[in-house]
Amino acid sequence: DNRDSDNQTTVRDENHPLLTVMETKPHSMSLMVKPKDYKLDTMVRLLYERVPLHRKPIMQHLDDPVIEYIHLTRRVQSHDLTELPMGKYIVCGEAMVHGEVYQSSCFETRIERMDNNTLQSGVQALIVISIMVVVLVMIYAVGYQVCKRFRWMEEKIGGQ
């Protein structure tokens, strides 16, 4: 489908996608960038954003995307996106030469979190500190009761 808005024409050809997901890992994805008709000096504008689950993979659904520019040095190139929070992502790419877009495509994918069943180190530290505080308060309470009873016994014995 072709669209013309603000003098920018975008050519979408989903039969020959510009971007293809090669692999997703926890917090990252690897993309293959492959224009249908590679042209010398091609730049790819890569836009991606974490979105709600109901959003469809079209560029208009990107509110505040991360934008990266990739200079294509060969017909097929790989690119990695890392440090991504868990969730659904819309990823769009526009292949352009001298600012004129000649191919674009979008897709959606899900990024999972690392599932190693361990808590983050900061959370573990907070739990340890909390347990230590509870134990110290209990020791103080027992010591206070022992001292209080010892004084009471001294007064009782001393008063006779």
Protein backbone atom coordinates (compact mmCIF):
# COMPACT_ATOMS: atom_id res chain seq x y z
CA ASP A 1 0.00 0.00 0.00
CA ASN A 2 1.26 3.50 -0.80
CA ARG A 3 0.55 6.53 1.36
CA ASP A 4 1.38 10.18 0.94
CA SER A 5 1.37 12.43 4.02
CA ASP A 6 3.45 15.54 4.59
CA ASN A 7 5.18 14.90 1.23
CA GLN A 8 6.58 11.58 2.48
CA THR A 9 5.72 8.56 0.38
CA THR A 10 6.11 5.19 2.06
CA VAL A 11 6.09 2.02 0.01
CA ARG A 12 4.98 -1.04 1.96
CA ASP A 13 5.54 -4.50 0.52
CA GLU A 14 4.74 -7.16 3.08
CA ASN A 15 5.51 -9.95 0.56
CA HIS A 16 9.14 -8.78 0.67
CA PRO A 17 9.59 -7.46 4.23
CA LEU A 18 12.47 -5.12 4.87
CA LEU A 19 12.92 -6.50 8.41
CA THR A 20 12.74 -10.10 9.56
CA VAL A 21 13.17 -11.41 13.11
CA MET A 22 15.93 -13.98 13.11
CA GLU A 23 15.91 -14.74 16.83
CA THR A 24 14.47 -13.48 20.08
CA LYS A 25 16.21 -14.03 23.39
CA PRO A 26 15.34 -12.73 26.83
CA HIS A 27 15.59 -8.92 26.62
CA SER A 28 16.88 -8.86 23.00
CA MET A 29 16.16 -9.64 19.37
CA SER A 30 18.23 -10.16 16.24
CA LEU A 31 16.95 -8.74 12.95
CA MET A 32 17.78 -9.35 9.31
CA VAL A 33 17.60 -6.17 7.19
CA LYS A 34 17.08 -7.02 3.52
CA PRO A 35 15.61 -4.51 1.06
CA LYS A 36 13.82 -5.99 -1.97
CA ASP A 37 15.92 -3.88 -4.34
CA TYR A 38 19.18 -2.94 -2.64
CA LYS A 39 20.49 0.48 -3.64
CA LEU A 40 23.92 1.92 -2.92
CA ASP A 41 24.04 4.38 0.04
CA THR A 42 20.89 2.90 1.59
CA MET A 43 20.12 3.99 5.14
CA VAL A 44 17.51 2.20 7.20
CA ARG A 45 15.55 4.11 9.80
CA LEU A 46 14.62 1.57 12.47
CA LEU A 47 11.76 2.52 14.80
CA TYR A 48 10.67 0.32 17.69
CA GLU A 49 8.54 0.67 20.79
CA ARG A 50 6.99 -1.48 23.48
CA VAL A 51 3.22 -1.31 23.02
CA PRO A 52 -0.01 -2.65 24.58
CA LEU A 53 -1.02 -6.13 23.43
CA HIS A 54 -3.97 -4.94 21.31
CA ARG A 55 -1.91 -2.69 18.99
CA LYS A 56 -1.44 -3.79 15.38
CA PRO A 57 1.99 -3.60 13.70
CA ILE A 58 1.65 -0.36 11.75
CA MET A 59 3.83 2.72 12.01
CA GLN A 60 0.95 4.98 13.12
CA HIS A 61 0.73 2.97 16.36
CA LEU A 62 4.20 4.11 17.42
CA ASP A 63 3.76 7.04 19.85
CA ASP A 64 7.32 7.65 21.02
CA PRO A 65 9.58 5.10 19.32
CA VAL A 66 13.29 4.56 19.74
CA ILE A 67 14.87 5.52 16.41
CA GLU A 68 18.12 4.09 15.08
CA TYR A 69 19.79 4.65 11.73
CA ILE A 70 21.65 1.79 10.07
CA HIS A 71 23.89 2.29 7.04
CA LEU A 72 23.57 -0.78 4.82
CA THR A 73 26.97 -1.82 3.55
CA ARG A 74 25.65 -4.96 1.82
CA ARG A 75 22.37 -6.35 0.50
CA VAL A 76 21.60 -8.40 3.64
CA GLN A 77 22.70 -7.24 7.06
CA SER A 78 21.93 -8.25 10.64
CA HIS A 79 21.22 -5.92 13.53
CA ASP A 80 20.69 -6.62 17.23
CA LEU A 81 18.37 -4.78 19.63
CA THR A 82 19.39 -5.36 23.24
CA GLU A 83 18.36 -4.41 26.78
CA LEU A 84 14.66 -4.55 25.91
CA PRO A 85 12.11 -4.83 28.72
CA MET A 86 9.64 -7.70 28.52
CA GLY A 87 6.52 -7.09 26.42
CA LYS A 88 5.08 -6.73 22.95
CA TYR A 89 7.04 -4.63 20.46
CA ILE A 90 6.21 -3.05 17.14
CA VAL A 91 9.33 -2.74 14.99
CA CYS A 92 9.26 -0.74 11.73
CA GLY A 93 11.93 -0.03 9.19
CA GLU A 94 12.22 2.40 6.30
CA ALA A 95 14.87 1.94 3.61
CA MET A 96 15.88 5.25 2.09
CA VAL A 97 18.43 6.81 -0.21
CA HIS A 98 19.15 10.55 0.25
CA GLY A 99 16.07 10.89 2.48
CA GLU A 100 13.66 9.32 -0.02
CA VAL A 101 11.95 6.20 1.34
CA TYR A 102 11.74 3.36 -1.17
CA GLN A 103 10.61 0.46 1.07
CA SER A 104 9.12 0.03 4.54
CA SER A 105 7.68 -2.71 6.68
CA CYS A 106 6.55 -3.36 10.23
CA PHE A 107 6.16 -6.43 12.39
CA GLU A 108 5.31 -7.29 15.97
CA THR A 109 7.08 -9.61 18.35
CA ARG A 110 7.15 -10.46 22.04
CA ILE A 111 10.22 -10.19 24.22
CA GLU A 112 10.31 -12.46 27.26
CA ARG A 113 12.14 -11.93 30.51
CA MET A 114 15.02 -14.09 31.64
CA ASP A 115 13.47 -17.01 33.51
CA ASN A 116 16.14 -18.14 35.94
CA ASN A 117 13.79 -18.17 38.96
CA THR A 118 16.02 -15.85 40.98
CA LEU A 119 15.30 -12.44 42.39
CA GLN A 120 17.34 -9.42 41.42
CA SER A 121 20.31 -8.78 43.72
CA GLY A 122 18.79 -5.54 45.09
CA VAL A 123 15.61 -7.38 46.09
CA GLN A 124 17.69 -10.12 47.73
CA ALA A 125 19.63 -7.48 49.71
CA LEU A 126 16.38 -5.85 50.91
CA ILE A 127 15.05 -9.22 52.08
CA VAL A 128 18.27 -9.99 53.99
CA ILE A 129 18.29 -6.54 55.64
CA SER A 130 14.60 -6.88 56.58
CA ILE A 131 15.17 -10.30 58.16
CA MET A 132 18.16 -8.93 60.10
CA VAL A 133 16.06 -6.00 61.41
CA VAL A 134 13.28 -8.36 62.53
CA VAL A 135 15.81 -10.65 64.29
CA LEU A 136 17.48 -7.69 66.03
CA VAL A 137 14.10 -6.34 67.21
CA MET A 138 13.22 -9.79 68.60
CA ILE A 139 16.59 -10.03 70.41
CA TYR A 140 16.06 -6.54 71.84
CA ALA A 141 12.53 -7.43 73.01
CA VAL A 142 13.71 -10.64 74.72
CA GLY A 143 16.66 -8.80 76.31
CA TYR A 144 14.36 -6.01 77.52
CA GLN A 145 11.98 -8.50 79.13
CA VAL A 146 14.87 -10.35 80.80
CA CYS A 147 16.32 -7.09 82.16
CA LYS A 148 12.89 -5.94 83.34
CA ARG A 149 12.25 -9.21 85.14
CA PHE A 150 15.78 -9.15 86.66
CA ARG A 151 15.14 -5.63 88.09
CA TRP A 152 11.74 -6.73 89.41
CA MET A 153 13.38 -9.71 91.14
CA GLU A 154 16.09 -7.45 92.65
CA GLU A 155 13.47 -5.05 93.97
CA LYS A 156 11.43 -7.91 95.42
CA ILE A 157 14.46 -9.46 97.12
CA GLY A 158 15.92 -6.12 98.19
CA GLY A 159 12.56 -4.95 99.58
CA GLN A 160 12.18 -7.86 101.99
